[in-house]
Amino acid sequence: MAQDLLTSLSGSFQTSPTFYLNPQNHVSYNIAVQTPQYEVKDLQELQNFPIATNGSAQQPQILGNLASLVRGAEPGTLSHYDAQPIIDIYGSVEGADLASVAGRIQKILSDSKAKLPRGTEI
């Protein structure tokens, strides 16, 4: 499992973005590697993650030696559009085509608009 965790933590979209260029359509896709939260049982396990420097011959350090970790809550990403705060919602689709999922999402959004607080938009 330690090797799997090391592999899954080897990329970071914010500090060192990685891209895949599709040779057929020449579209560049962002690649972000992340360990699922359910794989991290507690804070101690997170502190024991090995951190290696790319291209370094040094032994990996554990995260707990490099950073102080404190449990807390905050928004994952702060985004703005036209100076207004927004919330981005991401999801993935499995076993359904995108058009049918988009249709179901539009229905949820339509049904929710009447319940929004004043000044809120979707």
PDB file of N, CA and C in Angstrom:
ATOM      1  N   MET A   1       0.825  -1.190   0.000  1.00  0.00           N
ATOM      2  CA  MET A   1       0.000   0.000   0.000  1.00  0.00           C
ATOM      3  C   MET A   1       0.866   1.248   0.000  1.00  0.00           C
ATOM      4  N   ALA A   2       1.991   1.236   0.710  1.00  0.00           N
ATOM      5  CA  ALA A   2       2.851   2.425   0.764  1.00  0.00           C
ATOM      6  C   ALA A   2       3.313   2.821  -0.628  1.00  0.00           C
ATOM      7  N   GLN A   3       3.646   1.835  -1.483  1.00  0.00           N
ATOM      8  CA  GLN A   3       4.076   2.145  -2.843  1.00  0.00           C
ATOM      9  C   GLN A   3       2.923   2.752  -3.634  1.00  0.00           C
ATOM     10  N   ASP A   4       1.701   2.225  -3.437  1.00  0.00           N
ATOM     11  CA  ASP A   4       0.537   2.788  -4.129  1.00  0.00           C
ATOM     12  C   ASP A   4       0.322   4.231  -3.719  1.00  0.00           C
ATOM     13  N   LEU A   5       0.462   4.526  -2.426  1.00  0.00           N
ATOM     14  CA  LEU A   5       0.270   5.887  -1.951  1.00  0.00           C
ATOM     15  C   LEU A   5       1.344   6.804  -2.513  1.00  0.00           C
ATOM     16  N   LEU A   6       2.578   6.314  -2.564  1.00  0.00           N
ATOM     17  CA  LEU A   6       3.660   7.120  -3.129  1.00  0.00           C
ATOM     18  C   LEU A   6       3.351   7.448  -4.586  1.00  0.00           C
ATOM     19  N   THR A   7       2.887   6.463  -5.324  1.00  0.00           N
ATOM     20  CA  THR A   7       2.555   6.683  -6.725  1.00  0.00           C
ATOM     21  C   THR A   7       1.386   7.656  -6.857  1.00  0.00           C
ATOM     22  N   SER A   8       0.370   7.504  -6.008  1.00  0.00           N
ATOM     23  CA  SER A   8      -0.820   8.337  -6.153  1.00  0.00           C
ATOM     24  C   SER A   8      -0.582   9.765  -5.717  1.00  0.00           C
ATOM     25  N   LEU A   9       0.476  10.017  -4.984  1.00  0.00           N
ATOM     26  CA  LEU A   9       0.761  11.373  -4.544  1.00  0.00           C
ATOM     27  C   LEU A   9       1.857  12.017  -5.384  1.00  0.00           C
ATOM     28  N   SER A  10       2.207  11.390  -6.508  1.00  0.00           N
ATOM     29  CA  SER A  10       3.348  11.874  -7.270  1.00  0.00           C
ATOM     30  C   SER A  10       3.038  13.056  -8.169  1.00  0.00           C
ATOM     31  N   GLY A  11       1.785  13.447  -8.284  1.00  0.00           N
ATOM     32  CA  GLY A  11       1.443  14.579  -9.127  1.00  0.00           C
ATOM     33  C   GLY A  11       0.675  15.621  -8.348  1.00  0.00           C
ATOM     34  N   SER A  12       0.818  16.861  -8.753  1.00  0.00           N
ATOM     35  CA  SER A  12       0.049  17.921  -8.126  1.00  0.00           C
ATOM     36  C   SER A  12      -0.351  18.914  -9.194  1.00  0.00           C
ATOM     37  N   PHE A  13      -1.643  19.092  -9.366  1.00  0.00           N
ATOM     38  CA  PHE A  13      -2.123  19.989 -10.412  1.00  0.00           C
ATOM     39  C   PHE A  13      -1.755  21.443 -10.120  1.00  0.00           C
ATOM     40  N   GLN A  14      -1.718  21.830  -8.838  1.00  0.00           N
ATOM     41  CA  GLN A  14      -1.475  23.235  -8.512  1.00  0.00           C
ATOM     42  C   GLN A  14       0.003  23.606  -8.571  1.00  0.00           C
ATOM     43  N   THR A  15       0.881  22.741  -8.094  1.00  0.00           N
ATOM     44  CA  THR A  15       2.299  23.111  -8.031  1.00  0.00           C
ATOM     45  C   THR A  15       3.108  22.638  -9.230  1.00  0.00           C
ATOM     46  N   SER A  16       2.699  21.545  -9.830  1.00  0.00           N
ATOM     47  CA  SER A  16       3.450  21.009 -10.958  1.00  0.00           C
ATOM     48  C   SER A  16       2.481  20.349 -11.935  1.00  0.00           C
ATOM     49  N   PRO A  17       1.731  21.143 -12.694  1.00  0.00           N
ATOM     50  CA  PRO A  17       0.714  20.561 -13.564  1.00  0.00           C
ATOM     51  C   PRO A  17       1.308  19.661 -14.635  1.00  0.00           C
ATOM     52  N   THR A  18       0.568  18.606 -14.940  1.00  0.00           N
ATOM     53  CA  THR A  18       0.948  17.657 -15.972  1.00  0.00           C
ATOM     54  C   THR A  18      -0.168  17.643 -17.009  1.00  0.00           C
ATOM     55  N   PHE A  19       0.200  17.537 -18.273  1.00  0.00           N
ATOM     56  CA  PHE A  19      -0.785  17.563 -19.340  1.00  0.00           C
ATOM     57  C   PHE A  19      -0.562  16.386 -20.275  1.00  0.00           C
ATOM     58  N   TYR A  20      -1.649  15.936 -20.887  1.00  0.00           N
ATOM     59  CA  TYR A  20      -1.599  14.911 -21.917  1.00  0.00           C
ATOM     60  C   TYR A  20      -2.104  15.549 -23.206  1.00  0.00           C
ATOM     61  N   LEU A  21      -1.302  15.492 -24.251  1.00  0.00           N
ATOM     62  CA  LEU A  21      -1.704  16.020 -25.553  1.00  0.00           C
ATOM     63  C   LEU A  21      -2.201  14.853 -26.400  1.00  0.00           C
ATOM     64  N   ASN A  22      -3.492  14.869 -26.700  1.00  0.00           N
ATOM     65  CA  ASN A  22      -4.079  13.823 -27.512  1.00  0.00           C
ATOM     66  C   ASN A  22      -3.606  14.008 -28.950  1.00  0.00           C
ATOM     67  N   PRO A  23      -2.874  13.036 -29.502  1.00  0.00           N
ATOM     68  CA  PRO A  23      -2.329  13.208 -30.854  1.00  0.00           C
ATOM     69  C   PRO A  23      -3.393  13.207 -31.951  1.00  0.00           C
ATOM     70  N   GLN A  24      -4.601  12.650 -31.668  1.00  0.00           N
ATOM     71  CA  GLN A  24      -5.633  12.615 -32.696  1.00  0.00           C
ATOM     72  C   GLN A  24      -6.333  13.962 -32.866  1.00  0.00           C
ATOM     73  N   ASN A  25      -6.670  14.623 -31.742  1.00  0.00           N
ATOM     74  CA  ASN A  25      -7.420  15.876 -31.880  1.00  0.00           C
ATOM     75  C   ASN A  25      -6.623  17.092 -31.408  1.00  0.00           C
ATOM     76  N   HIS A  26      -5.407  16.885 -30.960  1.00  0.00           N
ATOM     77  CA  HIS A  26      -4.502  17.947 -30.517  1.00  0.00           C
ATOM     78  C   HIS A  26      -5.064  18.770 -29.357  1.00  0.00           C
ATOM     79  N   VAL A  27      -5.894  18.115 -28.527  1.00  0.00           N
ATOM     80  CA  VAL A  27      -6.433  18.758 -27.332  1.00  0.00           C
ATOM     81  C   VAL A  27      -5.563  18.365 -26.145  1.00  0.00           C
ATOM     82  N   SER A  28      -5.211  19.351 -25.339  1.00  0.00           N
ATOM     83  CA  SER A  28      -4.394  19.118 -24.154  1.00  0.00           C
ATOM     84  C   SER A  28      -5.303  18.914 -22.943  1.00  0.00           C
ATOM     85  N   TYR A  29      -5.107  17.829 -22.208  1.00  0.00           N
ATOM     86  CA  TYR A  29      -5.917  17.507 -21.033  1.00  0.00           C
ATOM     87  C   TYR A  29      -5.065  17.618 -19.776  1.00  0.00           C
ATOM     88  N   ASN A  30      -5.637  18.228 -18.732  1.00  0.00           N
ATOM     89  CA  ASN A  30      -4.955  18.289 -17.443  1.00  0.00           C
ATOM     90  C   ASN A  30      -4.993  16.913 -16.788  1.00  0.00           C
ATOM     91  N   ILE A  31      -3.901  16.543 -16.144  1.00  0.00           N
ATOM     92  CA  ILE A  31      -3.841  15.287 -15.411  1.00  0.00           C
ATOM     93  C   ILE A  31      -3.560  15.628 -13.950  1.00  0.00           C
ATOM     94  N   ALA A  32      -4.433  15.195 -13.066  1.00  0.00           N
ATOM     95  CA  ALA A  32      -4.245  15.396 -11.634  1.00  0.00           C
ATOM     96  C   ALA A  32      -4.350  14.038 -10.954  1.00  0.00           C
ATOM     97  N   VAL A  33      -3.336  13.674 -10.191  1.00  0.00           N
ATOM     98  CA  VAL A  33      -3.293  12.398  -9.497  1.00  0.00           C
ATOM     99  C   VAL A  33      -3.589  12.657  -8.033  1.00  0.00           C
ATOM    100  N   GLN A  34      -4.466  11.839  -7.455  1.00  0.00           N
ATOM    101  CA  GLN A  34      -4.889  12.094  -6.085  1.00  0.00           C
ATOM    102  C   GLN A  34      -5.285  10.784  -5.423  1.00  0.00           C
ATOM    103  N   THR A  35      -4.901  10.607  -4.172  1.00  0.00           N
ATOM    104  CA  THR A  35      -5.338   9.450  -3.400  1.00  0.00           C
ATOM    105  C   THR A  35      -6.764   9.691  -2.933  1.00  0.00           C
ATOM    106  N   PRO A  36      -7.665   8.729  -3.133  1.00  0.00           N
ATOM    107  CA  PRO A  36      -9.032   8.906  -2.631  1.00  0.00           C
ATOM    108  C   PRO A  36      -9.035   9.093  -1.112  1.00  0.00           C
ATOM    109  N   GLN A  37      -9.900   9.956  -0.609  1.00  0.00           N
ATOM    110  CA  GLN A  37      -9.930  10.242   0.820  1.00  0.00           C
ATOM    111  C   GLN A  37     -10.195   8.986   1.639  1.00  0.00           C
ATOM    112  N   TYR A  38     -10.971   8.040   1.110  1.00  0.00           N
ATOM    113  CA  TYR A  38     -11.258   6.828   1.874  1.00  0.00           C
ATOM    114  C   TYR A  38     -10.028   5.941   2.064  1.00  0.00           C
ATOM    115  N   GLU A  39      -8.959   6.186   1.306  1.00  0.00           N
ATOM    116  CA  GLU A  39      -7.718   5.431   1.478  1.00  0.00           C
ATOM    117  C   GLU A  39      -6.896   5.935   2.660  1.00  0.00           C
ATOM    118  N   VAL A  40      -7.175   7.143   3.132  1.00  0.00           N
ATOM    119  CA  VAL A  40      -6.436   7.727   4.247  1.00  0.00           C
ATOM    120  C   VAL A  40      -7.312   7.572   5.482  1.00  0.00           C
ATOM    121  N   LYS A  41      -6.933   6.652   6.369  1.00  0.00           N
ATOM    122  CA  LYS A  41      -7.780   6.312   7.508  1.00  0.00           C
ATOM    123  C   LYS A  41      -7.742   7.350   8.624  1.00  0.00           C
ATOM    124  N   ASP A  42      -6.574   7.973   8.826  1.00  0.00           N
ATOM    125  CA  ASP A  42      -6.470   8.953   9.913  1.00  0.00           C
ATOM    126  C   ASP A  42      -5.305   9.902   9.631  1.00  0.00           C
ATOM    127  N   LEU A  43      -5.155  10.912  10.488  1.00  0.00           N
ATOM    128  CA  LEU A  43      -4.127  11.930  10.308  1.00  0.00           C
ATOM    129  C   LEU A  43      -2.718  11.330  10.386  1.00  0.00           C
ATOM    130  N   GLN A  44      -2.528  10.342  11.242  1.00  0.00           N
ATOM    131  CA  GLN A  44      -1.214   9.695  11.380  1.00  0.00           C
ATOM    132  C   GLN A  44      -0.803   9.026  10.068  1.00  0.00           C
ATOM    133  N   GLU A  45      -1.744   8.379   9.404  1.00  0.00           N
ATOM    134  CA  GLU A  45      -1.435   7.744   8.122  1.00  0.00           C
ATOM    135  C   GLU A  45      -1.027   8.787   7.082  1.00  0.00           C
ATOM    136  N   LEU A  46      -1.700   9.931   7.106  1.00  0.00           N
ATOM    137  CA  LEU A  46      -1.331  11.013   6.198  1.00  0.00           C
ATOM    138  C   LEU A  46       0.073  11.522   6.513  1.00  0.00           C
ATOM    139  N   GLN A  47       0.405  11.661   7.778  1.00  0.00           N
ATOM    140  CA  GLN A  47       1.743  12.126   8.166  1.00  0.00           C
ATOM    141  C   GLN A  47       2.830  11.141   7.755  1.00  0.00           C
ATOM    142  N   ASN A  48       2.488   9.881   7.572  1.00  0.00           N
ATOM    143  CA  ASN A  48       3.467   8.859   7.198  1.00  0.00           C
ATOM    144  C   ASN A  48       3.639   8.692   5.692  1.00  0.00           C
ATOM    145  N   PHE A  49       2.982   9.521   4.878  1.00  0.00           N
ATOM    146  CA  PHE A  49       3.156   9.438   3.433  1.00  0.00           C
ATOM    147  C   PHE A  49       4.591   9.763   3.065  1.00  0.00           C
ATOM    148  N   PRO A  50       5.208   8.946   2.217  1.00  0.00           N
ATOM    149  CA  PRO A  50       6.558   9.262   1.753  1.00  0.00           C
ATOM    150  C   PRO A  50       6.527  10.355   0.688  1.00  0.00           C
ATOM    151  N   ILE A  51       7.453  11.293   0.809  1.00  0.00           N
ATOM    152  CA  ILE A  51       7.568  12.389  -0.156  1.00  0.00           C
ATOM    153  C   ILE A  51       8.965  12.316  -0.761  1.00  0.00           C
ATOM    154  N   ALA A  52       9.015  12.185  -2.088  1.00  0.00           N
ATOM    155  CA  ALA A  52      10.299  12.093  -2.780  1.00  0.00           C
ATOM    156  C   ALA A  52      10.460  13.287  -3.710  1.00  0.00           C
ATOM    157  N   THR A  53      11.681  13.704  -3.908  1.00  0.00           N
ATOM    158  CA  THR A  53      11.977  14.773  -4.853  1.00  0.00           C
ATOM    159  C   THR A  53      12.304  14.134  -6.188  1.00  0.00           C
ATOM    160  N   ASN A  54      11.646  14.586  -7.263  1.00  0.00           N
ATOM    161  CA  ASN A  54      11.894  14.021  -8.592  1.00  0.00           C
ATOM    162  C   ASN A  54      13.368  14.133  -8.948  1.00  0.00           C
ATOM    163  N   GLY A  55      13.924  13.028  -9.404  1.00  0.00           N
ATOM    164  CA  GLY A  55      15.306  13.028  -9.850  1.00  0.00           C
ATOM    165  C   GLY A  55      16.321  13.045  -8.725  1.00  0.00           C
ATOM    166  N   SER A  56      15.886  12.986  -7.488  1.00  0.00           N
ATOM    167  CA  SER A  56      16.812  13.033  -6.364  1.00  0.00           C
ATOM    168  C   SER A  56      17.209  11.613  -5.959  1.00  0.00           C
ATOM    169  N   ALA A  57      18.476  11.451  -5.604  1.00  0.00           N
ATOM    170  CA  ALA A  57      18.952  10.153  -5.135  1.00  0.00           C
ATOM    171  C   ALA A  57      18.729  10.000  -3.635  1.00  0.00           C
ATOM    172  N   GLN A  58      18.226  11.048  -2.979  1.00  0.00           N
ATOM    173  CA  GLN A  58      17.989  10.990  -1.541  1.00  0.00           C
ATOM    174  C   GLN A  58      16.806  10.091  -1.222  1.00  0.00           C
ATOM    175  N   GLN A  59      16.831   9.519  -0.019  1.00  0.00           N
ATOM    176  CA  GLN A  59      15.711   8.716   0.462  1.00  0.00           C
ATOM    177  C   GLN A  59      14.491   9.615   0.644  1.00  0.00           C
ATOM    178  N   PRO A  60      13.295   9.119   0.377  1.00  0.00           N
ATOM    179  CA  PRO A  60      12.096   9.927   0.586  1.00  0.00           C
ATOM    180  C   PRO A  60      11.932  10.300   2.060  1.00  0.00           C
ATOM    181  N   GLN A  61      11.407  11.469   2.316  1.00  0.00           N
ATOM    182  CA  GLN A  61      11.043  11.903   3.667  1.00  0.00           C
ATOM    183  C   GLN A  61       9.576  11.554   3.883  1.00  0.00           C
ATOM    184  N   ILE A  62       9.161  11.511   5.135  1.00  0.00           N
ATOM    185  CA  ILE A  62       7.732  11.372   5.374  1.00  0.00           C
ATOM    186  C   ILE A  62       7.144  12.767   5.544  1.00  0.00           C
ATOM    187  N   LEU A  63       5.887  12.919   5.162  1.00  0.00           N
ATOM    188  CA  LEU A  63       5.234  14.218   5.170  1.00  0.00           C
ATOM    189  C   LEU A  63       5.275  14.858   6.554  1.00  0.00           C
ATOM    190  N   GLY A  64       5.131  14.072   7.618  1.00  0.00           N
ATOM    191  CA  GLY A  64       5.139  14.599   8.982  1.00  0.00           C
ATOM    192  C   GLY A  64       6.449  15.280   9.349  1.00  0.00           C
ATOM    193  N   ASN A  65       7.565  14.934   8.681  1.00  0.00           N
ATOM    194  CA  ASN A  65       8.849  15.597   8.928  1.00  0.00           C
ATOM    195  C   ASN A  65       8.957  16.930   8.193  1.00  0.00           C
ATOM    196  N   LEU A  66       8.120  17.132   7.186  1.00  0.00           N
ATOM    197  CA  LEU A  66       8.225  18.318   6.342  1.00  0.00           C
ATOM    198  C   LEU A  66       7.147  19.357   6.606  1.00  0.00           C
ATOM    199  N   ALA A  67       6.047  18.958   7.245  1.00  0.00           N
ATOM    200  CA  ALA A  67       4.930  19.876   7.436  1.00  0.00           C
ATOM    201  C   ALA A  67       4.181  19.549   8.713  1.00  0.00           C
ATOM    202  N   SER A  68       3.540  20.566   9.275  1.00  0.00           N
ATOM    203  CA  SER A  68       2.648  20.371  10.417  1.00  0.00           C
ATOM    204  C   SER A  68       1.241  20.226   9.876  1.00  0.00           C
ATOM    205  N   LEU A  69       0.580  19.154  10.233  1.00  0.00           N
ATOM    206  CA  LEU A  69      -0.765  18.895   9.733  1.00  0.00           C
ATOM    207  C   LEU A  69      -1.765  19.104  10.857  1.00  0.00           C
ATOM    208  N   VAL A  70      -2.816  19.863  10.553  1.00  0.00           N
ATOM    209  CA  VAL A  70      -3.869  20.140  11.510  1.00  0.00           C
ATOM    210  C   VAL A  70      -5.202  19.894  10.822  1.00  0.00           C
ATOM    211  N   ARG A  71      -6.079  19.170  11.498  1.00  0.00           N
ATOM    212  CA  ARG A  71      -7.403  18.900  10.930  1.00  0.00           C
ATOM    213  C   ARG A  71      -8.228  20.181  10.987  1.00  0.00           C
ATOM    214  N   GLY A  72      -8.937  20.485   9.906  1.00  0.00           N
ATOM    215  CA  GLY A  72      -9.768  21.683   9.838  1.00  0.00           C
ATOM    216  C   GLY A  72     -10.724  21.588   8.670  1.00  0.00           C
ATOM    217  N   ALA A  73     -11.502  22.598   8.484  1.00  0.00           N
ATOM    218  CA  ALA A  73     -12.458  22.637   7.376  1.00  0.00           C
ATOM    219  C   ALA A  73     -12.372  23.996   6.693  1.00  0.00           C
ATOM    220  N   GLU A  74     -12.400  23.981   5.376  1.00  0.00           N
ATOM    221  CA  GLU A  74     -12.415  25.200   4.576  1.00  0.00           C
ATOM    222  C   GLU A  74     -12.804  24.808   3.161  1.00  0.00           C
ATOM    223  N   PRO A  75     -13.222  25.773   2.362  1.00  0.00           N
ATOM    224  CA  PRO A  75     -13.565  25.431   0.973  1.00  0.00           C
ATOM    225  C   PRO A  75     -12.344  24.878   0.238  1.00  0.00           C
ATOM    226  N   GLY A  76     -12.573  23.866  -0.594  1.00  0.00           N
ATOM    227  CA  GLY A  76     -11.480  23.280  -1.341  1.00  0.00           C
ATOM    228  C   GLY A  76     -10.868  24.238  -2.340  1.00  0.00           C
ATOM    229  N   THR A  77     -11.696  25.014  -2.990  1.00  0.00           N
ATOM    230  CA  THR A  77     -11.235  25.962  -3.990  1.00  0.00           C
ATOM    231  C   THR A  77     -12.064  27.233  -3.880  1.00  0.00           C
ATOM    232  N   LEU A  78     -11.399  28.357  -3.862  1.00  0.00           N
ATOM    233  CA  LEU A  78     -12.101  29.633  -3.873  1.00  0.00           C
ATOM    234  C   LEU A  78     -12.047  30.170  -5.293  1.00  0.00           C
ATOM    235  N   SER A  79     -13.198  30.316  -5.894  1.00  0.00           N
ATOM    236  CA  SER A  79     -13.271  30.790  -7.273  1.00  0.00           C
ATOM    237  C   SER A  79     -14.158  32.023  -7.345  1.00  0.00           C
ATOM    238  N   HIS A  80     -13.893  32.839  -8.344  1.00  0.00           N
ATOM    239  CA  HIS A  80     -14.702  34.043  -8.568  1.00  0.00           C
ATOM    240  C   HIS A  80     -15.000  34.171 -10.053  1.00  0.00           C
ATOM    241  N   TYR A  81     -16.179  34.738 -10.353  1.00  0.00           N
ATOM    242  CA  TYR A  81     -16.561  35.047 -11.718  1.00  0.00           C
ATOM    243  C   TYR A  81     -17.161  36.437 -11.683  1.00  0.00           C
ATOM    244  N   ASP A  82     -16.611  37.359 -12.433  1.00  0.00           N
ATOM    245  CA  ASP A  82     -17.045  38.761 -12.398  1.00  0.00           C
ATOM    246  C   ASP A  82     -17.060  39.303 -10.973  1.00  0.00           C
ATOM    247  N   ALA A  83     -16.024  39.011 -10.210  1.00  0.00           N
ATOM    248  CA  ALA A  83     -15.826  39.477  -8.838  1.00  0.00           C
ATOM    249  C   ALA A  83     -16.832  38.890  -7.848  1.00  0.00           C
ATOM    250  N   GLN A  84     -17.661  37.942  -8.276  1.00  0.00           N
ATOM    251  CA  GLN A  84     -18.612  37.290  -7.382  1.00  0.00           C
ATOM    252  C   GLN A  84     -18.061  35.924  -6.983  1.00  0.00           C
ATOM    253  N   PRO A  85     -18.166  35.545  -5.705  1.00  0.00           N
ATOM    254  CA  PRO A  85     -17.714  34.208  -5.311  1.00  0.00           C
ATOM    255  C   PRO A  85     -18.607  33.137  -5.935  1.00  0.00           C
ATOM    256  N   ILE A  86     -17.998  32.052  -6.371  1.00  0.00           N
ATOM    257  CA  ILE A  86     -18.754  30.950  -6.962  1.00  0.00           C
ATOM    258  C   ILE A  86     -18.302  29.637  -6.340  1.00  0.00           C
ATOM    259  N   ILE A  87     -19.117  28.633  -6.487  1.00  0.00           N
ATOM    260  CA  ILE A  87     -18.779  27.287  -6.044  1.00  0.00           C
ATOM    261  C   ILE A  87     -18.763  26.404  -7.287  1.00  0.00           C
ATOM    262  N   ASP A  88     -17.648  25.749  -7.532  1.00  0.00           N
ATOM    263  CA  ASP A  88     -17.538  24.807  -8.643  1.00  0.00           C
ATOM    264  C   ASP A  88     -17.872  23.417  -8.117  1.00  0.00           C
ATOM    265  N   ILE A  89     -18.714  22.697  -8.834  1.00  0.00           N
ATOM    266  CA  ILE A  89     -19.073  21.337  -8.453  1.00  0.00           C
ATOM    267  C   ILE A  89     -18.564  20.419  -9.553  1.00  0.00           C
ATOM    268  N   TYR A  90     -17.756  19.449  -9.153  1.00  0.00           N
ATOM    269  CA  TYR A  90     -17.188  18.506 -10.104  1.00  0.00           C
ATOM    270  C   TYR A  90     -17.784  17.121  -9.857  1.00  0.00           C
ATOM    271  N   GLY A  91     -17.855  16.323 -10.879  1.00  0.00           N
ATOM    272  CA  GLY A  91     -18.354  14.960 -10.743  1.00  0.00           C
ATOM    273  C   GLY A  91     -17.827  14.114 -11.873  1.00  0.00           C
ATOM    274  N   SER A  92     -18.069  12.840 -11.767  1.00  0.00           N
ATOM    275  CA  SER A  92     -17.671  11.940 -12.842  1.00  0.00           C
ATOM    276  C   SER A  92     -18.865  11.068 -13.211  1.00  0.00           C
ATOM    277  N   VAL A  93     -18.831  10.536 -14.397  1.00  0.00           N
ATOM    278  CA  VAL A  93     -19.942   9.760 -14.924  1.00  0.00           C
ATOM    279  C   VAL A  93     -19.451   8.353 -15.207  1.00  0.00           C
ATOM    280  N   GLU A  94     -20.254   7.385 -14.787  1.00  0.00           N
ATOM    281  CA  GLU A  94     -19.921   6.004 -15.089  1.00  0.00           C
ATOM    282  C   GLU A  94     -21.212   5.280 -15.469  1.00  0.00           C
ATOM    283  N   GLY A  95     -21.209   4.606 -16.576  1.00  0.00           N
ATOM    284  CA  GLY A  95     -22.362   3.822 -16.985  1.00  0.00           C
ATOM    285  C   GLY A  95     -23.497   4.633 -17.596  1.00  0.00           C
ATOM    286  N   ALA A  96     -23.226   5.868 -18.013  1.00  0.00           N
ATOM    287  CA  ALA A  96     -24.248   6.692 -18.658  1.00  0.00           C
ATOM    288  C   ALA A  96     -23.562   7.628 -19.643  1.00  0.00           C
ATOM    289  N   ASP A  97     -24.307   8.025 -20.681  1.00  0.00           N
ATOM    290  CA  ASP A  97     -23.725   8.958 -21.646  1.00  0.00           C
ATOM    291  C   ASP A  97     -23.848  10.383 -21.102  1.00  0.00           C
ATOM    292  N   LEU A  98     -22.967  11.254 -21.539  1.00  0.00           N
ATOM    293  CA  LEU A  98     -22.925  12.624 -21.025  1.00  0.00           C
ATOM    294  C   LEU A  98     -24.197  13.406 -21.331  1.00  0.00           C
ATOM    295  N   ALA A  99     -24.827  13.167 -22.472  1.00  0.00           N
ATOM    296  CA  ALA A  99     -26.042  13.903 -22.820  1.00  0.00           C
ATOM    297  C   ALA A  99     -27.163  13.612 -21.832  1.00  0.00           C
ATOM    298  N   SER A 100     -27.350  12.354 -21.453  1.00  0.00           N
ATOM    299  CA  SER A 100     -28.419  12.032 -20.500  1.00  0.00           C
ATOM    300  C   SER A 100     -28.096  12.586 -19.126  1.00  0.00           C
ATOM    301  N   VAL A 101     -26.832  12.557 -18.742  1.00  0.00           N
ATOM    302  CA  VAL A 101     -26.429  13.137 -17.454  1.00  0.00           C
ATOM    303  C   VAL A 101     -26.647  14.645 -17.473  1.00  0.00           C
ATOM    304  N   ALA A 102     -26.280  15.308 -18.562  1.00  0.00           N
ATOM    305  CA  ALA A 102     -26.486  16.755 -18.674  1.00  0.00           C
ATOM    306  C   ALA A 102     -27.975  17.089 -18.578  1.00  0.00           C
ATOM    307  N   GLY A 103     -28.820  16.290 -19.188  1.00  0.00           N
ATOM    308  CA  GLY A 103     -30.258  16.508 -19.104  1.00  0.00           C
ATOM    309  C   GLY A 103     -30.775  16.375 -17.681  1.00  0.00           C
ATOM    310  N   ARG A 104     -30.282  15.371 -16.957  1.00  0.00           N
ATOM    311  CA  ARG A 104     -30.711  15.192 -15.563  1.00  0.00           C
ATOM    312  C   ARG A 104     -30.207  16.331 -14.687  1.00  0.00           C
ATOM    313  N   ILE A 105     -28.992  16.799 -14.961  1.00  0.00           N
ATOM    314  CA  ILE A 105     -28.455  17.930 -14.194  1.00  0.00           C
ATOM    315  C   ILE A 105     -29.281  19.179 -14.456  1.00  0.00           C
ATOM    316  N   GLN A 106     -29.648  19.431 -15.718  1.00  0.00           N
ATOM    317  CA  GLN A 106     -30.471  20.598 -16.051  1.00  0.00           C
ATOM    318  C   GLN A 106     -31.820  20.547 -15.326  1.00  0.00           C
ATOM    319  N   LYS A 107     -32.414  19.365 -15.209  1.00  0.00           N
ATOM    320  CA  LYS A 107     -33.683  19.234 -14.493  1.00  0.00           C
ATOM    321  C   LYS A 107     -33.494  19.573 -13.013  1.00  0.00           C
ATOM    322  N   ILE A 108     -32.424  19.071 -12.403  1.00  0.00           N
ATOM    323  CA  ILE A 108     -32.140  19.382 -10.996  1.00  0.00           C
ATOM    324  C   ILE A 108     -31.955  20.877 -10.817  1.00  0.00           C
ATOM    325  N   LEU A 109     -31.214  21.511 -11.729  1.00  0.00           N
ATOM    326  CA  LEU A 109     -30.990  22.958 -11.644  1.00  0.00           C
ATOM    327  C   LEU A 109     -32.299  23.727 -11.792  1.00  0.00           C
ATOM    328  N   SER A 110     -33.134  23.331 -12.743  1.00  0.00           N
ATOM    329  CA  SER A 110     -34.423  24.006 -12.953  1.00  0.00           C
ATOM    330  C   SER A 110     -35.308  23.892 -11.712  1.00  0.00           C
ATOM    331  N   ASP A 111     -35.354  22.694 -11.136  1.00  0.00           N
ATOM    332  CA  ASP A 111     -36.178  22.480  -9.943  1.00  0.00           C
ATOM    333  C   ASP A 111     -35.649  23.259  -8.749  1.00  0.00           C
ATOM    334  N   SER A 112     -34.338  23.515  -8.707  1.00  0.00           N
ATOM    335  CA  SER A 112     -33.719  24.181  -7.557  1.00  0.00           C
ATOM    336  C   SER A 112     -33.812  25.699  -7.624  1.00  0.00           C
ATOM    337  N   LYS A 113     -33.974  26.262  -8.808  1.00  0.00           N
ATOM    338  CA  LYS A 113     -33.943  27.724  -8.959  1.00  0.00           C
ATOM    339  C   LYS A 113     -34.980  28.434  -8.100  1.00  0.00           C
ATOM    340  N   ALA A 114     -36.161  27.850  -7.937  1.00  0.00           N
ATOM    341  CA  ALA A 114     -37.212  28.491  -7.149  1.00  0.00           C
ATOM    342  C   ALA A 114     -36.870  28.525  -5.659  1.00  0.00           C
ATOM    343  N   LYS A 115     -35.977  27.652  -5.226  1.00  0.00           N
ATOM    344  CA  LYS A 115     -35.638  27.562  -3.800  1.00  0.00           C
ATOM    345  C   LYS A 115     -34.390  28.357  -3.422  1.00  0.00           C
ATOM    346  N   LEU A 116     -33.786  29.042  -4.388  1.00  0.00           N
ATOM    347  CA  LEU A 116     -32.540  29.765  -4.119  1.00  0.00           C
ATOM    348  C   LEU A 116     -32.801  31.022  -3.312  1.00  0.00           C
ATOM    349  N   PRO A 117     -31.861  31.382  -2.415  1.00  0.00           N
ATOM    350  CA  PRO A 117     -31.977  32.657  -1.711  1.00  0.00           C
ATOM    351  C   PRO A 117     -31.868  33.814  -2.708  1.00  0.00           C
ATOM    352  N   ARG A 118     -32.448  34.954  -2.360  1.00  0.00           N
ATOM    353  CA  ARG A 118     -32.402  36.138  -3.221  1.00  0.00           C
ATOM    354  C   ARG A 118     -30.948  36.522  -3.518  1.00  0.00           C
ATOM    355  N   GLY A 119     -30.660  36.835  -4.766  1.00  0.00           N
ATOM    356  CA  GLY A 119     -29.316  37.220  -5.169  1.00  0.00           C
ATOM    357  C   GLY A 119     -28.421  36.065  -5.571  1.00  0.00           C
ATOM    358  N   THR A 120     -28.927  34.840  -5.466  1.00  0.00           N
ATOM    359  CA  THR A 120     -28.145  33.661  -5.816  1.00  0.00           C
ATOM    360  C   THR A 120     -28.497  33.230  -7.230  1.00  0.00           C
ATOM    361  N   GLU A 121     -27.489  32.795  -7.980  1.00  0.00           N
ATOM    362  CA  GLU A 121     -27.705  32.334  -9.354  1.00  0.00           C
ATOM    363  C   GLU A 121     -27.054  30.976  -9.545  1.00  0.00           C
ATOM    364  N   ILE A 122     -27.628  30.233 -10.493  1.00  0.00           N
ATOM    365  CA  ILE A 122     -26.985  28.980 -10.920  1.00  0.00           C
ATOM    366  C   ILE A 122     -26.567  29.193 -12.347  1.00  0.00           C
TER     367      ILE A 122
END
